[in-house]
Amino acid sequence: MNWNQITAIAQKDIKAITSNVQVWLGLVLLPLVFGVLLPGALILLLKSINFVDNDLVDMVQKVIKQLPEGAKKEQITELPTFNHQIIYIFVNYMLGPFFLIIPVMNSLMIALNSLVGEKERRTLESLMFAPIEVKDLFFGKLIATFIPTFVVTLASFILCGMIVNGLSYSMFGGLIFPNLSWWIILLWVAPMFSGLVILISIFISARSKGFQEAQQIGGIVVLPVVGAAISQVTGIVLLSPQLLLGAGFVLLLINFLLLRRLTKMNQRHVLFERQVH
């Protein structure tokens, strides 16, 4: 691999990303919605509601029952009110999958815009005929997508922590965010999931004729995150630290296999034929 060429491609793409209004809107709006507005609004709502026996109470009790026996489960069950319990469970067990939408959607949007954007900017032909290996082109675009995605995810994590702890500190008398699962999501699952989305999106964008077509096809990769969010909210599956670590390793293996597949696609006339014709 030629790291000078990879770095040059990554720098060029990052510059193009920072000048694209459509991408910028996604980079700003998603963290505001899922990192600030969603947790802030729900914590304020959950603090003010007087809960009675209803489906929400049953759902929270179902989640508590799934927790492994130990100090954490005892800590939650001993909280003074149901409002304390549901806020703690929402922050530490239900919010994580919704937070994953930030890196997944941003990496999807940036990566899909990558090769398709080259065509729309009429710069794809120059890349095709430049003395650049296809695998170097892929690596450059992967890095150019991963860096801004992770920076935005980290900023969202910090904002989310400030909002959550700021609104709940007086209620709990301490910080309730982040727990171990959150650190695993931030440093392990989110990067692995983002890598998978980027690799799939680059492949899709290389095969698509336009951004809208690529976006429609690429939107399918968001479904696992939506499924994880639903499973958490309904209490069907609890994303424990062990499960999150295992999911990260599975994603790492898939990424490795997919990356090997992509780097073997060195016939550029086959790879970009739909872009040209």
Protein backbone atom coordinates (compact mmCIF):
# COMPACT_ATOMS: atom_id res chain seq x y z
CA MET A 1 0.00 0.00 0.00
CA ASN A 2 1.09 3.52 -0.80
CA TRP A 3 0.36 5.53 2.35
CA ASN A 4 1.19 8.83 0.68
CA GLN A 5 -1.55 8.23 -1.87
CA ILE A 6 -3.95 6.96 0.82
CA THR A 7 -3.33 10.09 2.91
CA ALA A 8 -3.79 12.35 -0.11
CA ILE A 9 -7.12 10.68 -0.98
CA ALA A 10 -8.31 10.90 2.63
CA GLN A 11 -7.38 14.59 2.88
CA LYS A 12 -9.13 15.35 -0.40
CA ASP A 13 -12.31 13.56 0.69
CA ILE A 14 -12.37 15.20 4.12
CA LYS A 15 -12.06 18.59 2.44
CA ALA A 16 -14.97 17.69 0.15
CA ILE A 17 -17.02 16.54 3.16
CA THR A 18 -16.51 19.82 5.02
CA SER A 19 -17.74 21.76 1.99
CA ASN A 20 -20.89 19.64 1.43
CA VAL A 21 -23.95 21.22 3.06
CA GLN A 22 -25.99 18.02 2.84
CA VAL A 23 -23.36 16.06 4.75
CA TRP A 24 -22.85 18.85 7.28
CA LEU A 25 -26.56 18.92 8.11
CA GLY A 26 -26.45 15.22 8.94
CA LEU A 27 -23.27 15.59 10.99
CA VAL A 28 -24.93 18.31 13.09
CA LEU A 29 -28.58 17.23 13.22
CA LEU A 30 -28.09 13.58 14.22
CA PRO A 31 -26.01 14.38 17.35
CA LEU A 32 -28.51 17.07 18.34
CA VAL A 33 -31.46 14.70 18.00
CA PHE A 34 -30.05 11.47 19.46
CA GLY A 35 -27.35 12.92 21.73
CA VAL A 36 -29.11 15.98 23.17
CA LEU A 37 -32.83 16.33 22.41
CA LEU A 38 -33.89 12.67 22.85
CA PRO A 39 -32.17 11.99 26.21
CA GLY A 40 -32.88 15.49 27.53
CA ALA A 41 -36.58 15.48 26.67
CA LEU A 42 -37.18 11.95 27.95
CA ILE A 43 -35.35 12.51 31.24
CA LEU A 44 -37.39 15.68 31.89
CA LEU A 45 -40.57 13.79 31.01
CA LEU A 46 -39.72 10.76 33.14
CA LYS A 47 -38.87 12.98 36.12
CA SER A 48 -42.28 14.65 36.07
CA ILE A 49 -44.64 11.69 35.41
CA ASN A 50 -46.45 9.97 38.26
CA PHE A 51 -46.30 6.35 37.14
CA VAL A 52 -49.04 3.84 37.88
CA ASP A 53 -49.44 0.22 36.80
CA ASN A 54 -49.16 0.27 33.01
CA ASP A 55 -47.23 -1.27 30.14
CA LEU A 56 -44.22 0.95 30.80
CA VAL A 57 -43.92 -0.31 34.36
CA ASP A 58 -44.16 -3.92 33.14
CA MET A 59 -41.49 -3.26 30.49
CA VAL A 60 -39.05 -1.82 33.04
CA GLN A 61 -39.65 -4.71 35.41
CA LYS A 62 -38.93 -7.11 32.55
CA VAL A 63 -35.60 -5.39 31.90
CA ILE A 64 -34.69 -5.50 35.61
CA LYS A 65 -35.42 -9.24 35.72
CA GLN A 66 -32.99 -9.81 32.83
CA LEU A 67 -30.14 -8.13 34.70
CA PRO A 68 -27.56 -10.57 36.08
CA GLU A 69 -27.66 -11.10 39.82
CA GLY A 70 -25.23 -8.83 41.62
CA ALA A 71 -24.59 -5.40 43.03
CA LYS A 72 -25.86 -3.54 39.94
CA LYS A 73 -29.26 -5.24 40.00
CA GLU A 74 -29.58 -4.64 43.75
CA GLN A 75 -28.60 -1.00 43.24
CA ILE A 76 -31.39 -0.51 40.68
CA THR A 77 -34.07 -2.34 42.68
CA GLU A 78 -33.17 -0.30 45.80
CA LEU A 79 -33.62 3.08 44.08
CA PRO A 80 -36.20 5.13 46.01
CA THR A 81 -38.85 5.56 43.28
CA PHE A 82 -39.92 4.04 40.00
CA ASN A 83 -38.91 7.32 38.32
CA HIS A 84 -35.33 6.71 39.48
CA GLN A 85 -35.42 3.16 38.14
CA ILE A 86 -36.77 4.00 34.71
CA ILE A 87 -34.40 6.94 34.19
CA TYR A 88 -31.40 4.83 35.20
CA ILE A 89 -32.46 1.95 32.94
CA PHE A 90 -33.27 4.28 30.05
CA VAL A 91 -29.88 6.00 30.25
CA ASN A 92 -27.73 2.90 30.72
CA TYR A 93 -29.62 0.19 28.84
CA MET A 94 -32.09 1.65 26.34
CA LEU A 95 -30.34 4.76 25.02
CA GLY A 96 -27.26 2.97 23.66
CA PRO A 97 -28.80 1.51 20.47
CA PHE A 98 -30.39 4.87 19.65
CA PHE A 99 -26.99 6.50 20.11
CA LEU A 100 -25.50 4.03 17.60
CA ILE A 101 -27.69 5.64 14.95
CA ILE A 102 -25.33 8.64 15.01
CA PRO A 103 -22.15 6.84 13.77
CA VAL A 104 -24.09 4.45 11.54
CA MET A 105 -26.09 7.12 9.71
CA ASN A 106 -23.16 9.55 9.45
CA SER A 107 -20.78 6.90 8.12
CA LEU A 108 -23.50 5.73 5.72
CA MET A 109 -24.14 9.23 4.40
CA ILE A 110 -20.46 10.17 4.04
CA ALA A 111 -19.39 6.86 2.48
CA LEU A 112 -22.29 6.74 0.03
CA ASN A 113 -21.42 10.24 -1.06
CA SER A 114 -17.82 9.18 -1.55
CA LEU A 115 -17.60 7.46 -4.94
CA VAL A 116 -20.99 8.69 -6.15
CA GLY A 117 -19.89 12.20 -5.24
CA GLU A 118 -16.78 11.71 -7.35
CA LYS A 119 -18.99 11.06 -10.35
CA GLU A 120 -21.31 13.99 -9.65
CA ARG A 121 -18.28 16.28 -9.25
CA ARG A 122 -16.86 14.81 -12.49
CA THR A 123 -13.63 13.75 -10.76
CA LEU A 124 -14.14 9.97 -11.01
CA GLU A 125 -12.55 9.67 -14.44
CA SER A 126 -9.33 11.28 -13.23
CA LEU A 127 -9.18 8.81 -10.33
CA MET A 128 -9.76 5.89 -12.68
CA PHE A 129 -6.85 6.81 -14.89
CA ALA A 130 -4.54 7.99 -12.10
CA PRO A 131 -1.67 5.65 -11.07
CA ILE A 132 -3.53 4.64 -7.88
CA GLU A 133 -4.19 1.09 -6.77
CA VAL A 134 -7.87 0.37 -6.18
CA LYS A 135 -7.12 -0.92 -2.68
CA ASP A 136 -5.35 2.37 -1.86
CA LEU A 137 -8.39 4.23 -3.13
CA PHE A 138 -10.64 2.15 -0.85
CA PHE A 139 -8.39 2.65 2.17
CA GLY A 140 -8.22 6.40 1.59
CA LYS A 141 -11.99 6.70 1.37
CA LEU A 142 -12.46 4.42 4.39
CA ILE A 143 -10.17 6.61 6.49
CA ALA A 144 -11.79 9.80 5.19
CA THR A 145 -15.17 8.51 6.34
CA PHE A 146 -14.10 6.97 9.63
CA ILE A 147 -12.25 9.99 11.04
CA PRO A 148 -15.11 12.55 10.88
CA THR A 149 -17.61 9.86 11.92
CA PHE A 150 -15.66 9.00 15.06
CA VAL A 151 -15.00 12.66 15.91
CA VAL A 152 -18.73 13.42 15.68
CA THR A 153 -19.55 10.28 17.69
CA LEU A 154 -17.11 11.28 20.43
CA ALA A 155 -18.50 14.82 20.53
CA SER A 156 -22.03 13.39 20.70
CA PHE A 157 -20.99 11.12 23.58
CA ILE A 158 -19.63 14.09 25.53
CA LEU A 159 -22.74 16.18 24.87
CA CYS A 160 -24.99 13.27 25.83
CA GLY A 161 -23.07 12.81 29.10
CA MET A 162 -23.35 16.50 29.94
CA ILE A 163 -27.11 16.51 29.29
CA VAL A 164 -27.83 13.23 31.10
CA ASN A 165 -25.72 13.95 34.17
CA GLY A 166 -26.76 17.59 34.31
CA LEU A 167 -30.47 16.72 34.37
CA SER A 168 -30.19 13.72 36.69
CA TYR A 169 -27.48 14.79 39.16
CA SER A 170 -29.83 16.41 41.68
CA MET A 171 -32.09 13.38 41.53
CA PHE A 172 -29.41 10.70 42.04
CA GLY A 173 -26.86 12.74 43.95
CA GLY A 174 -24.12 11.62 41.55
CA LEU A 175 -23.22 10.70 37.97
CA ILE A 176 -25.14 7.84 36.32
CA PHE A 177 -23.47 8.08 32.89
CA PRO A 178 -21.49 6.36 31.42
CA ASN A 179 -21.42 2.77 32.62
CA LEU A 180 -19.26 -0.07 31.25
CA SER A 181 -21.67 -0.83 28.41
CA TRP A 182 -21.44 2.75 27.19
CA TRP A 183 -17.65 2.65 27.05
CA ILE A 184 -17.82 -0.60 25.05
CA ILE A 185 -20.34 0.97 22.67
CA LEU A 186 -18.18 4.06 22.16
CA LEU A 187 -14.75 2.44 21.83
CA TRP A 188 -15.60 -0.97 20.36
CA VAL A 189 -19.07 -1.50 18.88
CA ALA A 190 -19.49 1.93 17.24
CA PRO A 191 -16.09 1.80 15.43
CA MET A 192 -16.69 -1.79 14.28
CA PHE A 193 -20.23 -1.04 13.12
CA SER A 194 -19.08 2.15 11.40
CA GLY A 195 -16.35 0.19 9.61
CA LEU A 196 -18.90 -2.33 8.36
CA VAL A 197 -21.24 0.41 7.16
CA ILE A 198 -18.38 2.22 5.43
CA LEU A 199 -17.15 -0.89 3.60
CA ILE A 200 -20.64 -1.84 2.45
CA SER A 201 -21.43 1.75 1.48
CA ILE A 202 -18.25 2.19 -0.56
CA PHE A 203 -19.06 -0.98 -2.46
CA ILE A 204 -22.65 0.17 -3.04
CA SER A 205 -21.63 3.68 -4.06
CA ALA A 206 -19.12 2.26 -6.54
CA ARG A 207 -21.95 0.28 -8.14
CA SER A 208 -24.61 3.01 -8.10
CA LYS A 209 -25.30 5.65 -10.71
CA GLY A 210 -26.42 8.37 -8.32
CA PHE A 211 -26.52 9.36 -4.67
CA GLN A 212 -30.27 8.75 -4.26
CA GLU A 213 -29.99 5.22 -5.65
CA ALA A 214 -27.06 4.45 -3.38
CA GLN A 215 -28.86 5.94 -0.37
CA GLN A 216 -31.94 3.79 -0.91
CA ILE A 217 -29.87 0.60 -1.13
CA GLY A 218 -27.53 1.55 1.70
CA GLY A 219 -30.39 2.35 4.08
CA ILE A 220 -30.84 -1.38 4.63
CA VAL A 221 -27.71 -1.51 6.80
CA VAL A 222 -29.48 0.64 9.41
CA LEU A 223 -32.03 -2.09 10.10
CA PRO A 224 -29.85 -4.02 12.63
CA VAL A 225 -29.51 -0.87 14.75
CA VAL A 226 -33.26 -0.31 14.64
CA GLY A 227 -33.76 -3.95 15.64
CA ALA A 228 -31.36 -3.57 18.57
CA ALA A 229 -33.19 -0.43 19.73
CA ILE A 230 -36.56 -2.20 19.58
CA SER A 231 -35.20 -5.21 21.48
CA GLN A 232 -33.91 -2.95 24.23
CA VAL A 233 -37.10 -0.93 24.57
CA THR A 234 -39.31 -4.02 24.65
CA GLY A 235 -36.96 -5.92 26.96
CA ILE A 236 -36.61 -8.83 24.54
CA VAL A 237 -32.79 -8.79 24.57
CA LEU A 238 -30.57 -6.94 27.02
CA LEU A 239 -27.32 -5.66 25.50
CA SER A 240 -24.99 -6.66 28.33
CA PRO A 241 -21.25 -5.86 28.23
CA GLN A 242 -20.53 -9.49 27.30
CA LEU A 243 -23.01 -9.39 24.42
CA LEU A 244 -21.62 -6.07 23.21
CA LEU A 245 -18.06 -7.41 23.26
CA GLY A 246 -19.15 -10.49 21.33
CA ALA A 247 -21.03 -8.40 18.79
CA GLY A 248 -17.93 -6.26 18.29
CA PHE A 249 -15.78 -9.33 17.58
CA VAL A 250 -18.34 -10.63 15.07
CA LEU A 251 -18.35 -7.24 13.34
CA LEU A 252 -14.52 -7.24 13.32
CA LEU A 253 -14.48 -10.62 11.58
CA ILE A 254 -17.05 -9.49 9.01
CA ASN A 255 -15.07 -6.30 8.39
CA PHE A 256 -11.87 -8.28 7.86
CA LEU A 257 -13.52 -10.63 5.37
CA LEU A 258 -15.26 -7.79 3.53
CA LEU A 259 -12.09 -5.72 3.38
CA ARG A 260 -10.19 -8.65 1.87
CA ARG A 261 -12.94 -9.00 -0.69
CA LEU A 262 -12.87 -5.32 -1.60
CA THR A 263 -9.08 -5.12 -1.87
CA LYS A 264 -9.13 -8.00 -4.37
CA MET A 265 -11.39 -6.02 -6.69
CA ASN A 266 -8.46 -4.65 -8.64
CA GLN A 267 -10.14 -4.64 -12.04
CA ARG A 268 -11.10 -0.99 -12.10
CA HIS A 269 -12.93 -1.24 -15.40
CA VAL A 270 -15.25 -3.81 -13.80
CA LEU A 271 -15.57 -1.90 -10.54
CA PHE A 272 -16.51 1.42 -12.12
CA GLU A 273 -18.29 0.28 -15.31
CA ARG A 274 -21.69 1.34 -14.02
CA GLN A 275 -20.29 4.72 -13.05
CA VAL A 276 -18.99 5.40 -16.55
CA HIS A 277 -21.78 3.91 -18.57
